[in-house]
């Protein structure tokens, strides 16, 4: 029902796919400024941020 509402209301851009490369989930971006990127920031978002942090630390160290 909610999906139909978003389509009819012209809010299709709120239906997104998670930007994590290994995640195939879709989600509805209900943030005010439509900036949500991950289906769950505690799993997908955190995993990518930690990987980027570790890559930066590794690059800086050697």
PDB file of N, CA and C in Angstrom:
ATOM      1  N   UNK A   1       0.824  -1.190   0.000  1.00  0.00           N
ATOM      2  CA  UNK A   1       0.000   0.000   0.000  1.00  0.00           C
ATOM      3  C   UNK A   1       0.875   1.265   0.000  1.00  0.00           C
ATOM      4  N   UNK A   2       1.921   1.260   0.807  1.00  0.00           N
ATOM      5  CA  UNK A   2       2.802   2.427   0.876  1.00  0.00           C
ATOM      6  C   UNK A   2       3.510   2.650  -0.454  1.00  0.00           C
ATOM      7  N   UNK A   3       3.905   1.580  -1.114  1.00  0.00           N
ATOM      8  CA  UNK A   3       4.569   1.693  -2.412  1.00  0.00           C
ATOM      9  C   UNK A   3       3.631   2.345  -3.423  1.00  0.00           C
ATOM     10  N   UNK A   4       2.389   1.943  -3.439  1.00  0.00           N
ATOM     11  CA  UNK A   4       1.404   2.534  -4.347  1.00  0.00           C
ATOM     12  C   UNK A   4       1.235   4.023  -4.052  1.00  0.00           C
ATOM     13  N   UNK A   5       1.240   4.393  -2.782  1.00  0.00           N
ATOM     14  CA  UNK A   5       1.115   5.801  -2.413  1.00  0.00           C
ATOM     15  C   UNK A   5       2.276   6.618  -2.964  1.00  0.00           C
ATOM     16  N   UNK A   6       3.491   6.122  -2.844  1.00  0.00           N
ATOM     17  CA  UNK A   6       4.655   6.852  -3.349  1.00  0.00           C
ATOM     18  C   UNK A   6       4.610   7.007  -4.863  1.00  0.00           C
ATOM     19  N   UNK A   7       4.155   6.002  -5.562  1.00  0.00           N
ATOM     20  CA  UNK A   7       4.068   6.068  -7.020  1.00  0.00           C
ATOM     21  C   UNK A   7       3.007   7.082  -7.434  1.00  0.00           C
ATOM     22  N   UNK A   8       1.850   7.028  -6.804  1.00  0.00           N
ATOM     23  CA  UNK A   8       0.757   7.936  -7.149  1.00  0.00           C
ATOM     24  C   UNK A   8       1.096   9.373  -6.758  1.00  0.00           C
ATOM     25  N   UNK A   9       1.756   9.560  -5.640  1.00  0.00           N
ATOM     26  CA  UNK A   9       2.083  10.900  -5.156  1.00  0.00           C
ATOM     27  C   UNK A   9       3.269  11.512  -5.898  1.00  0.00           C
ATOM     28  N   UNK A  10       3.860  10.787  -6.829  1.00  0.00           N
ATOM     29  CA  UNK A  10       4.994  11.324  -7.573  1.00  0.00           C
ATOM     30  C   UNK A  10       6.282  11.316  -6.777  1.00  0.00           C
ATOM     31  N   UNK A  11       6.404  10.437  -5.826  1.00  0.00           N
ATOM     32  CA  UNK A  11       7.580  10.365  -4.970  1.00  0.00           C
ATOM     33  C   UNK A  11       8.414   9.130  -5.289  1.00  0.00           C
ATOM     34  N   UNK A  12       8.456   8.730  -6.538  1.00  0.00           N
ATOM     35  CA  UNK A  12       9.186   7.525  -6.923  1.00  0.00           C
ATOM     36  C   UNK A  12      10.674   7.614  -6.636  1.00  0.00           C
ATOM     37  N   UNK A  13      11.233   8.821  -6.619  1.00  0.00           N
ATOM     38  CA  UNK A  13      12.663   8.946  -6.352  1.00  0.00           C
ATOM     39  C   UNK A  13      13.015   8.573  -4.915  1.00  0.00           C
ATOM     40  N   UNK A  14      12.019   8.455  -4.060  1.00  0.00           N
ATOM     41  CA  UNK A  14      12.269   8.020  -2.684  1.00  0.00           C
ATOM     42  C   UNK A  14      12.507   6.515  -2.596  1.00  0.00           C
ATOM     43  N   UNK A  15      12.109   5.775  -3.587  1.00  0.00           N
ATOM     44  CA  UNK A  15      12.371   4.343  -3.629  1.00  0.00           C
ATOM     45  C   UNK A  15      13.773   4.163  -4.199  1.00  0.00           C
ATOM     46  N   UNK A  16      14.676   3.623  -3.390  1.00  0.00           N
ATOM     47  CA  UNK A  16      16.081   3.538  -3.775  1.00  0.00           C
ATOM     48  C   UNK A  16      16.638   2.148  -3.530  1.00  0.00           C
ATOM     49  N   UNK A  17      17.812   1.953  -4.065  1.00  0.00           N
ATOM     50  CA  UNK A  17      18.560   0.725  -3.833  1.00  0.00           C
ATOM     51  C   UNK A  17      19.766   1.069  -2.977  1.00  0.00           C
ATOM     52  N   UNK A  18      20.089   0.201  -2.058  1.00  0.00           N
ATOM     53  CA  UNK A  18      21.225   0.421  -1.156  1.00  0.00           C
ATOM     54  C   UNK A  18      22.494   0.589  -1.980  1.00  0.00           C
ATOM     55  N   UNK A  19      23.338   1.555  -1.603  1.00  0.00           N
ATOM     56  CA  UNK A  19      24.571   1.840  -2.343  1.00  0.00           C
ATOM     57  C   UNK A  19      25.742   0.945  -1.950  1.00  0.00           C
ATOM     58  N   UNK A  20      25.559   0.090  -0.973  1.00  0.00           N
ATOM     59  CA  UNK A  20      26.622  -0.853  -0.616  1.00  0.00           C
ATOM     60  C   UNK A  20      26.760  -1.862  -1.756  1.00  0.00           C
ATOM     61  N   UNK A  21      27.969  -2.102  -2.229  1.00  0.00           N
ATOM     62  CA  UNK A  21      28.145  -2.960  -3.405  1.00  0.00           C
ATOM     63  C   UNK A  21      27.698  -4.403  -3.200  1.00  0.00           C
ATOM     64  N   UNK A  22      27.728  -4.894  -1.978  1.00  0.00           N
ATOM     65  CA  UNK A  22      27.341  -6.278  -1.736  1.00  0.00           C
ATOM     66  C   UNK A  22      25.916  -6.425  -1.215  1.00  0.00           C
ATOM     67  N   UNK A  23      25.136  -5.365  -1.215  1.00  0.00           N
ATOM     68  CA  UNK A  23      23.761  -5.395  -0.727  1.00  0.00           C
ATOM     69  C   UNK A  23      22.803  -5.212  -1.904  1.00  0.00           C
ATOM     70  N   UNK A  24      21.747  -5.977  -1.909  1.00  0.00           N
ATOM     71  CA  UNK A  24      20.780  -5.896  -3.002  1.00  0.00           C
ATOM     72  C   UNK A  24      19.417  -5.404  -2.530  1.00  0.00           C
ATOM     73  N   UNK A  25      19.347  -4.855  -1.335  1.00  0.00           N
ATOM     74  CA  UNK A  25      18.075  -4.422  -0.764  1.00  0.00           C
ATOM     75  C   UNK A  25      17.601  -3.094  -1.350  1.00  0.00           C
ATOM     76  N   UNK A  26      16.308  -2.938  -1.352  1.00  0.00           N
ATOM     77  CA  UNK A  26      15.682  -1.667  -1.722  1.00  0.00           C
ATOM     78  C   UNK A  26      15.070  -1.078  -0.456  1.00  0.00           C
ATOM     79  N   UNK A  27      14.921   0.229  -0.428  1.00  0.00           N
ATOM     80  CA  UNK A  27      14.325   0.881   0.737  1.00  0.00           C
ATOM     81  C   UNK A  27      13.632   2.161   0.297  1.00  0.00           C
ATOM     82  N   UNK A  28      12.813   2.694   1.177  1.00  0.00           N
ATOM     83  CA  UNK A  28      12.134   3.963   0.935  1.00  0.00           C
ATOM     84  C   UNK A  28      12.854   5.018   1.759  1.00  0.00           C
ATOM     85  N   UNK A  29      13.346   6.038   1.094  1.00  0.00           N
ATOM     86  CA  UNK A  29      14.070   7.124   1.754  1.00  0.00           C
ATOM     87  C   UNK A  29      13.058   8.108   2.325  1.00  0.00           C
ATOM     88  N   UNK A  30      12.862   8.057   3.627  1.00  0.00           N
ATOM     89  CA  UNK A  30      11.923   8.953   4.285  1.00  0.00           C
ATOM     90  C   UNK A  30      12.607  10.143   4.951  1.00  0.00           C
ATOM     91  N   UNK A  31      13.898  10.327   4.662  1.00  0.00           N
ATOM     92  CA  UNK A  31      14.598  11.467   5.248  1.00  0.00           C
ATOM     93  C   UNK A  31      14.067  12.767   4.639  1.00  0.00           C
ATOM     94  N   UNK A  32      14.174  13.815   5.397  1.00  0.00           N
ATOM     95  CA  UNK A  32      13.623  15.101   4.976  1.00  0.00           C
ATOM     96  C   UNK A  32      14.275  15.618   3.694  1.00  0.00           C
ATOM     97  N   UNK A  33      15.592  15.479   3.589  1.00  0.00           N
ATOM     98  CA  UNK A  33      16.288  16.010   2.418  1.00  0.00           C
ATOM     99  C   UNK A  33      16.644  14.935   1.388  1.00  0.00           C
ATOM    100  N   UNK A  34      16.052  13.771   1.517  1.00  0.00           N
ATOM    101  CA  UNK A  34      16.216  12.665   0.559  1.00  0.00           C
ATOM    102  C   UNK A  34      17.684  12.295   0.360  1.00  0.00           C
ATOM    103  N   UNK A  35      18.403  12.120   1.460  1.00  0.00           N
ATOM    104  CA  UNK A  35      19.839  11.873   1.363  1.00  0.00           C
ATOM    105  C   UNK A  35      20.258  10.492   1.854  1.00  0.00           C
ATOM    106  N   UNK A  36      19.326   9.655   2.212  1.00  0.00           N
ATOM    107  CA  UNK A  36      19.677   8.327   2.717  1.00  0.00           C
ATOM    108  C   UNK A  36      20.299   7.505   1.603  1.00  0.00           C
ATOM    109  N   UNK A  37      21.393   6.789   1.927  1.00  0.00           N
ATOM    110  CA  UNK A  37      22.122   6.038   0.906  1.00  0.00           C
ATOM    111  C   UNK A  37      22.108   4.538   1.135  1.00  0.00           C
ATOM    112  N   UNK A  38      21.903   4.116   2.383  1.00  0.00           N
ATOM    113  CA  UNK A  38      22.003   2.700   2.719  1.00  0.00           C
ATOM    114  C   UNK A  38      20.691   2.202   3.316  1.00  0.00           C
ATOM    115  N   UNK A  39      20.416   0.919   3.114  1.00  0.00           N
ATOM    116  CA  UNK A  39      19.193   0.339   3.657  1.00  0.00           C
ATOM    117  C   UNK A  39      19.217   0.369   5.182  1.00  0.00           C
ATOM    118  N   UNK A  40      20.392   0.197   5.761  1.00  0.00           N
ATOM    119  CA  UNK A  40      20.555   0.257   7.211  1.00  0.00           C
ATOM    120  C   UNK A  40      21.933   0.832   7.497  1.00  0.00           C
ATOM    121  N   UNK A  41      21.972   1.990   8.096  1.00  0.00           N
ATOM    122  CA  UNK A  41      23.256   2.641   8.331  1.00  0.00           C
ATOM    123  C   UNK A  41      24.094   1.895   9.364  1.00  0.00           C
ATOM    124  N   UNK A  42      23.477   1.081  10.207  1.00  0.00           N
ATOM    125  CA  UNK A  42      24.230   0.336  11.212  1.00  0.00           C
ATOM    126  C   UNK A  42      24.966  -0.856  10.615  1.00  0.00           C
ATOM    127  N   UNK A  43      24.521  -1.337   9.472  1.00  0.00           N
ATOM    128  CA  UNK A  43      25.216  -2.485   8.869  1.00  0.00           C
ATOM    129  C   UNK A  43      25.924  -2.048   7.598  1.00  0.00           C
ATOM    130  N   UNK A  44      25.191  -1.760   6.555  1.00  0.00           N
ATOM    131  CA  UNK A  44      25.794  -1.414   5.260  1.00  0.00           C
ATOM    132  C   UNK A  44      26.619  -0.136   5.340  1.00  0.00           C
ATOM    133  N   UNK A  45      26.057   0.908   5.883  1.00  0.00           N
ATOM    134  CA  UNK A  45      26.770   2.181   5.962  1.00  0.00           C
ATOM    135  C   UNK A  45      28.002   2.093   6.832  1.00  0.00           C
ATOM    136  N   UNK A  46      27.875   1.489   7.991  1.00  0.00           N
ATOM    137  CA  UNK A  46      29.009   1.377   8.903  1.00  0.00           C
ATOM    138  C   UNK A  46      30.114   0.515   8.307  1.00  0.00           C
ATOM    139  N   UNK A  47      29.752  -0.568   7.658  1.00  0.00           N
ATOM    140  CA  UNK A  47      30.750  -1.457   7.056  1.00  0.00           C
ATOM    141  C   UNK A  47      31.579  -0.706   6.014  1.00  0.00           C
ATOM    142  N   UNK A  48      30.928   0.090   5.177  1.00  0.00           N
ATOM    143  CA  UNK A  48      31.658   0.843   4.156  1.00  0.00           C
ATOM    144  C   UNK A  48      32.512   1.953   4.758  1.00  0.00           C
ATOM    145  N   UNK A  49      32.002   2.617   5.777  1.00  0.00           N
ATOM    146  CA  UNK A  49      32.786   3.674   6.411  1.00  0.00           C
ATOM    147  C   UNK A  49      34.018   3.113   7.115  1.00  0.00           C
ATOM    148  N   UNK A  50      33.874   1.962   7.767  1.00  0.00           N
ATOM    149  CA  UNK A  50      35.021   1.346   8.437  1.00  0.00           C
ATOM    150  C   UNK A  50      36.052   0.894   7.401  1.00  0.00           C
ATOM    151  N   UNK A  51      35.598   0.333   6.293  1.00  0.00           N
ATOM    152  CA  UNK A  51      36.523  -0.102   5.237  1.00  0.00           C
ATOM    153  C   UNK A  51      37.292   1.089   4.661  1.00  0.00           C
ATOM    154  N   UNK A  52      36.607   2.199   4.449  1.00  0.00           N
ATOM    155  CA  UNK A  52      37.276   3.394   3.931  1.00  0.00           C
ATOM    156  C   UNK A  52      38.286   3.938   4.943  1.00  0.00           C
ATOM    157  N   UNK A  53      37.916   3.921   6.215  1.00  0.00           N
ATOM    158  CA  UNK A  53      38.825   4.380   7.266  1.00  0.00           C
ATOM    159  C   UNK A  53      40.076   3.509   7.308  1.00  0.00           C
ATOM    160  N   UNK A  54      39.899   2.210   7.269  1.00  0.00           N
ATOM    161  CA  UNK A  54      41.046   1.301   7.305  1.00  0.00           C
ATOM    162  C   UNK A  54      41.943   1.464   6.080  1.00  0.00           C
ATOM    163  N   UNK A  55      41.346   1.711   4.929  1.00  0.00           N
ATOM    164  CA  UNK A  55      42.135   1.928   3.718  1.00  0.00           C
ATOM    165  C   UNK A  55      42.948   3.208   3.828  1.00  0.00           C
ATOM    166  N   UNK A  56      42.357   4.265   4.392  1.00  0.00           N
ATOM    167  CA  UNK A  56      43.097   5.520   4.584  1.00  0.00           C
ATOM    168  C   UNK A  56      44.245   5.339   5.565  1.00  0.00           C
ATOM    169  N   UNK A  57      44.014   4.613   6.635  1.00  0.00           N
ATOM    170  CA  UNK A  57      45.058   4.367   7.638  1.00  0.00           C
ATOM    171  C   UNK A  57      46.189   3.539   7.036  1.00  0.00           C
ATOM    172  N   UNK A  58      45.834   2.549   6.245  1.00  0.00           N
ATOM    173  CA  UNK A  58      46.840   1.697   5.608  1.00  0.00           C
ATOM    174  C   UNK A  58      47.682   2.505   4.628  1.00  0.00           C
ATOM    175  N   UNK A  59      47.022   3.382   3.863  1.00  0.00           N
ATOM    176  CA  UNK A  59      47.730   4.218   2.893  1.00  0.00           C
ATOM    177  C   UNK A  59      48.669   5.203   3.600  1.00  0.00           C
ATOM    178  N   UNK A  60      48.209   5.762   4.696  1.00  0.00           N
ATOM    179  CA  UNK A  60      49.025   6.723   5.438  1.00  0.00           C
ATOM    180  C   UNK A  60      50.214   6.046   6.106  1.00  0.00           C
ATOM    181  N   UNK A  61      50.058   4.800   6.493  1.00  0.00           N
ATOM    182  CA  UNK A  61      51.119   4.086   7.203  1.00  0.00           C
ATOM    183  C   UNK A  61      52.193   3.580   6.264  1.00  0.00           C
ATOM    184  N   UNK A  62      51.816   3.359   5.037  1.00  0.00           N
ATOM    185  CA  UNK A  62      52.872   2.761   4.253  1.00  0.00           C
ATOM    186  C   UNK A  62      52.770   2.924   2.832  1.00  0.00           C
TER     187      UNK A  62
END
